[in-house]
């Protein structure tokens, strides 16, 4: 089964003007992640949860990475997510 079929849809929490957020977005696209970007600006709950840590990559409520997203770090995460998803689908 190709990895893109087993990778979960992720959420990138960010805010405009954040260079780390822009970098994370670019790396996620380059590595063909499936994700939705959510601007936390003006949302008190999201600002409270993620405001000090953006960018934040999450699967549902589970935070996967926050802060600096290097391509190496995201590649490793992708492998872990694929293994995790395959483990859930087999059996």
N, C-alpha and C. Protein backbone atom coordinates (compact mmCIF):
# COMPACT_ATOMS: atom_id res chain seq x y z
N UNK A 1 0.86 -1.19 0.00
CA UNK A 1 0.00 0.00 0.00
C UNK A 1 0.89 1.24 0.00
N UNK A 2 0.71 2.16 -0.93
CA UNK A 2 1.55 3.38 -0.97
C UNK A 2 1.38 4.21 0.29
N UNK A 3 2.47 4.86 0.75
CA UNK A 3 2.40 5.65 1.99
C UNK A 3 1.30 6.70 1.99
N UNK A 4 1.02 7.34 0.84
CA UNK A 4 0.03 8.41 0.83
C UNK A 4 -1.37 7.90 1.17
N UNK A 5 -1.58 6.58 1.04
CA UNK A 5 -2.89 6.04 1.36
C UNK A 5 -3.05 5.78 2.86
N UNK A 6 -1.94 5.71 3.57
CA UNK A 6 -2.03 5.41 5.00
C UNK A 6 -1.68 6.59 5.90
N UNK A 7 -1.13 7.65 5.33
CA UNK A 7 -0.81 8.81 6.16
C UNK A 7 -2.07 9.55 6.58
N UNK A 8 -2.16 9.93 7.85
CA UNK A 8 -3.34 10.68 8.30
C UNK A 8 -3.31 12.11 7.79
N UNK A 9 -4.48 12.73 7.74
CA UNK A 9 -4.59 14.17 7.46
C UNK A 9 -4.15 14.89 8.73
N UNK A 10 -3.20 15.80 8.60
CA UNK A 10 -2.66 16.51 9.75
C UNK A 10 -3.11 17.96 9.74
N UNK A 11 -2.90 18.64 10.86
CA UNK A 11 -3.22 20.06 10.97
C UNK A 11 -1.96 20.82 11.33
N UNK A 12 -1.69 21.87 10.56
CA UNK A 12 -0.57 22.77 10.84
C UNK A 12 -1.17 24.04 11.44
N UNK A 13 -0.90 24.27 12.72
CA UNK A 13 -1.34 25.49 13.39
C UNK A 13 -0.25 26.54 13.20
N UNK A 14 -0.65 27.72 12.71
CA UNK A 14 0.32 28.76 12.38
C UNK A 14 -0.32 30.13 12.53
N UNK A 15 0.46 31.16 12.18
CA UNK A 15 -0.08 32.52 12.10
C UNK A 15 0.66 33.26 11.00
N UNK A 16 0.01 34.22 10.36
CA UNK A 16 0.65 34.99 9.30
C UNK A 16 1.89 35.72 9.80
N UNK A 17 2.90 35.81 8.94
CA UNK A 17 4.11 36.54 9.28
C UNK A 17 5.12 35.74 10.09
N UNK A 18 4.83 34.50 10.37
CA UNK A 18 5.71 33.63 11.14
C UNK A 18 6.64 32.90 10.17
N UNK A 19 7.93 33.23 10.20
CA UNK A 19 8.85 32.60 9.24
C UNK A 19 9.01 31.11 9.47
N UNK A 20 8.95 30.65 10.73
CA UNK A 20 9.02 29.22 10.99
C UNK A 20 7.78 28.50 10.44
N UNK A 21 6.63 29.18 10.50
CA UNK A 21 5.39 28.60 9.95
C UNK A 21 5.49 28.47 8.43
N UNK A 22 6.04 29.50 7.80
CA UNK A 22 6.20 29.47 6.34
C UNK A 22 7.16 28.36 5.93
N UNK A 23 8.23 28.21 6.70
CA UNK A 23 9.20 27.15 6.42
C UNK A 23 8.56 25.77 6.62
N UNK A 24 7.81 25.60 7.69
CA UNK A 24 7.13 24.33 7.96
C UNK A 24 6.17 23.99 6.82
N UNK A 25 5.40 24.96 6.38
CA UNK A 25 4.45 24.78 5.29
C UNK A 25 5.19 24.29 4.03
N UNK A 26 6.28 24.94 3.69
CA UNK A 26 7.05 24.57 2.49
C UNK A 26 7.61 23.16 2.61
N UNK A 27 8.14 22.80 3.76
CA UNK A 27 8.70 21.45 3.95
C UNK A 27 7.60 20.39 3.89
N UNK A 28 6.45 20.68 4.47
CA UNK A 28 5.34 19.71 4.43
C UNK A 28 4.90 19.47 2.99
N UNK A 29 4.81 20.54 2.20
CA UNK A 29 4.45 20.39 0.78
C UNK A 29 5.51 19.59 0.04
N UNK A 30 6.77 19.90 0.27
CA UNK A 30 7.86 19.21 -0.42
C UNK A 30 7.88 17.72 -0.12
N UNK A 31 7.48 17.36 1.09
CA UNK A 31 7.48 15.95 1.50
C UNK A 31 6.13 15.28 1.29
N UNK A 32 5.23 15.98 0.61
CA UNK A 32 3.91 15.46 0.22
C UNK A 32 3.06 15.00 1.39
N UNK A 33 3.10 15.76 2.46
CA UNK A 33 2.18 15.52 3.58
C UNK A 33 0.78 15.99 3.18
N UNK A 34 -0.23 15.35 3.75
CA UNK A 34 -1.60 15.84 3.62
C UNK A 34 -1.89 16.63 4.89
N UNK A 35 -2.18 17.93 4.72
CA UNK A 35 -2.42 18.74 5.91
C UNK A 35 -3.33 19.92 5.58
N UNK A 36 -3.95 20.41 6.63
CA UNK A 36 -4.75 21.62 6.57
C UNK A 36 -4.06 22.64 7.46
N UNK A 37 -3.91 23.85 6.97
CA UNK A 37 -3.28 24.89 7.77
C UNK A 37 -4.37 25.71 8.46
N UNK A 38 -4.20 25.94 9.75
CA UNK A 38 -5.16 26.70 10.54
C UNK A 38 -4.45 27.89 11.17
N UNK A 39 -4.95 29.09 10.88
CA UNK A 39 -4.43 30.32 11.46
C UNK A 39 -5.03 30.46 12.86
N UNK A 40 -4.16 30.52 13.87
CA UNK A 40 -4.64 30.61 15.25
C UNK A 40 -4.99 32.03 15.67
N UNK A 41 -4.66 33.01 14.85
CA UNK A 41 -4.89 34.41 15.18
C UNK A 41 -6.36 34.67 15.49
N UNK A 42 -6.62 35.28 16.64
CA UNK A 42 -7.99 35.66 16.99
C UNK A 42 -8.83 34.53 17.57
N UNK A 43 -8.26 33.34 17.71
CA UNK A 43 -8.98 32.22 18.30
C UNK A 43 -8.39 31.99 19.70
N UNK A 44 -9.08 32.45 20.74
CA UNK A 44 -8.51 32.37 22.10
C UNK A 44 -8.10 30.96 22.52
N UNK A 45 -8.89 29.96 22.17
CA UNK A 45 -8.56 28.59 22.56
C UNK A 45 -7.28 28.12 21.88
N UNK A 46 -7.17 28.34 20.57
CA UNK A 46 -5.98 27.92 19.84
C UNK A 46 -4.76 28.74 20.24
N UNK A 47 -4.95 30.04 20.49
CA UNK A 47 -3.85 30.89 20.96
C UNK A 47 -3.31 30.37 22.29
N UNK A 48 -4.23 29.97 23.17
CA UNK A 48 -3.83 29.44 24.48
C UNK A 48 -3.07 28.12 24.32
N UNK A 49 -3.58 27.23 23.47
CA UNK A 49 -2.97 25.92 23.29
C UNK A 49 -1.63 25.97 22.56
N UNK A 50 -1.55 26.79 21.50
CA UNK A 50 -0.40 26.71 20.60
C UNK A 50 0.38 28.01 20.42
N UNK A 51 -0.11 29.12 20.97
CA UNK A 51 0.47 30.43 20.70
C UNK A 51 1.96 30.56 20.96
N UNK A 52 2.46 29.90 21.99
CA UNK A 52 3.88 30.00 22.32
C UNK A 52 4.74 29.00 21.55
N UNK A 53 4.10 28.06 20.86
CA UNK A 53 4.83 26.95 20.25
C UNK A 53 4.78 26.89 18.73
N UNK A 54 4.03 27.79 18.08
CA UNK A 54 3.84 27.66 16.63
C UNK A 54 5.16 27.72 15.88
N UNK A 55 5.23 27.03 14.77
CA UNK A 55 4.19 26.18 14.20
C UNK A 55 4.04 24.88 15.00
N UNK A 56 2.83 24.33 14.94
CA UNK A 56 2.53 23.06 15.60
C UNK A 56 1.88 22.15 14.58
N UNK A 57 2.37 20.93 14.47
CA UNK A 57 1.79 19.92 13.59
C UNK A 57 1.10 18.90 14.47
N UNK A 58 -0.19 18.66 14.19
CA UNK A 58 -0.97 17.76 15.04
C UNK A 58 -1.78 16.78 14.20
N UNK A 59 -2.02 15.63 14.82
CA UNK A 59 -2.94 14.63 14.28
C UNK A 59 -4.09 14.58 15.27
N UNK A 60 -5.19 15.24 14.94
CA UNK A 60 -6.28 15.39 15.90
C UNK A 60 -5.77 16.24 17.06
N UNK A 61 -5.91 15.75 18.27
CA UNK A 61 -5.43 16.49 19.46
C UNK A 61 -3.99 16.14 19.80
N UNK A 62 -3.40 15.19 19.08
CA UNK A 62 -2.05 14.72 19.36
C UNK A 62 -1.02 15.62 18.67
N UNK A 63 -0.21 16.31 19.45
CA UNK A 63 0.84 17.17 18.90
C UNK A 63 2.01 16.28 18.49
N UNK A 64 2.42 16.44 17.22
CA UNK A 64 3.51 15.63 16.68
C UNK A 64 4.84 16.38 16.69
N UNK A 65 4.82 17.63 16.26
CA UNK A 65 6.03 18.47 16.23
C UNK A 65 5.61 19.91 16.53
N UNK A 66 6.48 20.63 17.22
CA UNK A 66 6.27 22.06 17.39
C UNK A 66 7.61 22.76 17.30
N UNK A 67 7.56 24.02 16.89
CA UNK A 67 8.79 24.78 16.75
C UNK A 67 9.40 24.66 15.38
N UNK A 68 10.66 24.27 15.31
CA UNK A 68 11.39 24.18 14.04
C UNK A 68 11.14 22.83 13.39
N UNK A 69 10.68 22.85 12.12
CA UNK A 69 10.43 21.63 11.36
C UNK A 69 11.51 21.50 10.29
N UNK A 70 12.52 20.70 10.52
CA UNK A 70 13.51 20.45 9.48
C UNK A 70 12.98 19.36 8.56
N UNK A 71 13.50 19.29 7.35
CA UNK A 71 13.09 18.23 6.43
C UNK A 71 13.44 16.86 7.01
N UNK A 72 14.59 16.76 7.65
CA UNK A 72 14.99 15.49 8.25
C UNK A 72 14.02 15.04 9.34
N UNK A 73 13.64 15.98 10.17
CA UNK A 73 12.70 15.67 11.26
C UNK A 73 11.35 15.25 10.69
N UNK A 74 10.89 15.94 9.64
CA UNK A 74 9.61 15.60 9.02
C UNK A 74 9.68 14.27 8.27
N UNK A 75 10.82 13.96 7.68
CA UNK A 75 10.98 12.67 7.00
C UNK A 75 10.90 11.53 7.99
N UNK A 76 11.57 11.69 9.14
CA UNK A 76 11.51 10.68 10.18
C UNK A 76 10.08 10.51 10.70
N UNK A 77 9.39 11.62 10.92
CA UNK A 77 8.01 11.56 11.37
C UNK A 77 7.13 10.83 10.35
N UNK A 78 7.35 11.09 9.08
CA UNK A 78 6.55 10.45 8.04
C UNK A 78 6.71 8.93 8.09
N UNK A 79 7.94 8.47 8.25
CA UNK A 79 8.19 7.03 8.37
C UNK A 79 7.47 6.45 9.58
N UNK A 80 7.52 7.15 10.70
CA UNK A 80 6.85 6.67 11.91
C UNK A 80 5.33 6.62 11.72
N UNK A 81 4.78 7.64 11.07
CA UNK A 81 3.33 7.67 10.84
C UNK A 81 2.89 6.54 9.91
N UNK A 82 3.70 6.26 8.88
CA UNK A 82 3.38 5.17 7.96
C UNK A 82 3.40 3.84 8.71
N UNK A 83 4.44 3.62 9.49
CA UNK A 83 4.53 2.36 10.27
C UNK A 83 3.37 2.22 11.23
N UNK A 84 3.03 3.32 11.89
CA UNK A 84 1.92 3.33 12.84
C UNK A 84 0.61 2.99 12.15
N UNK A 85 0.37 3.63 11.01
CA UNK A 85 -0.88 3.42 10.27
C UNK A 85 -0.95 1.99 9.73
N UNK A 86 0.14 1.48 9.22
CA UNK A 86 0.16 0.10 8.71
C UNK A 86 -0.11 -0.89 9.84
N UNK A 87 0.43 -0.60 11.01
CA UNK A 87 0.20 -1.47 12.16
C UNK A 87 -1.27 -1.50 12.56
N UNK A 88 -1.96 -0.38 12.42
CA UNK A 88 -3.38 -0.31 12.77
C UNK A 88 -4.23 -1.03 11.72
N UNK A 89 -3.78 -1.03 10.46
CA UNK A 89 -4.55 -1.64 9.39
C UNK A 89 -4.32 -3.14 9.24
N UNK A 90 -3.23 -3.64 9.79
CA UNK A 90 -2.98 -5.07 9.69
C UNK A 90 -3.44 -5.75 10.97
N UNK A 91 -4.42 -6.54 10.85
CA UNK A 91 -4.78 -7.28 12.04
C UNK A 91 -6.13 -7.02 12.46
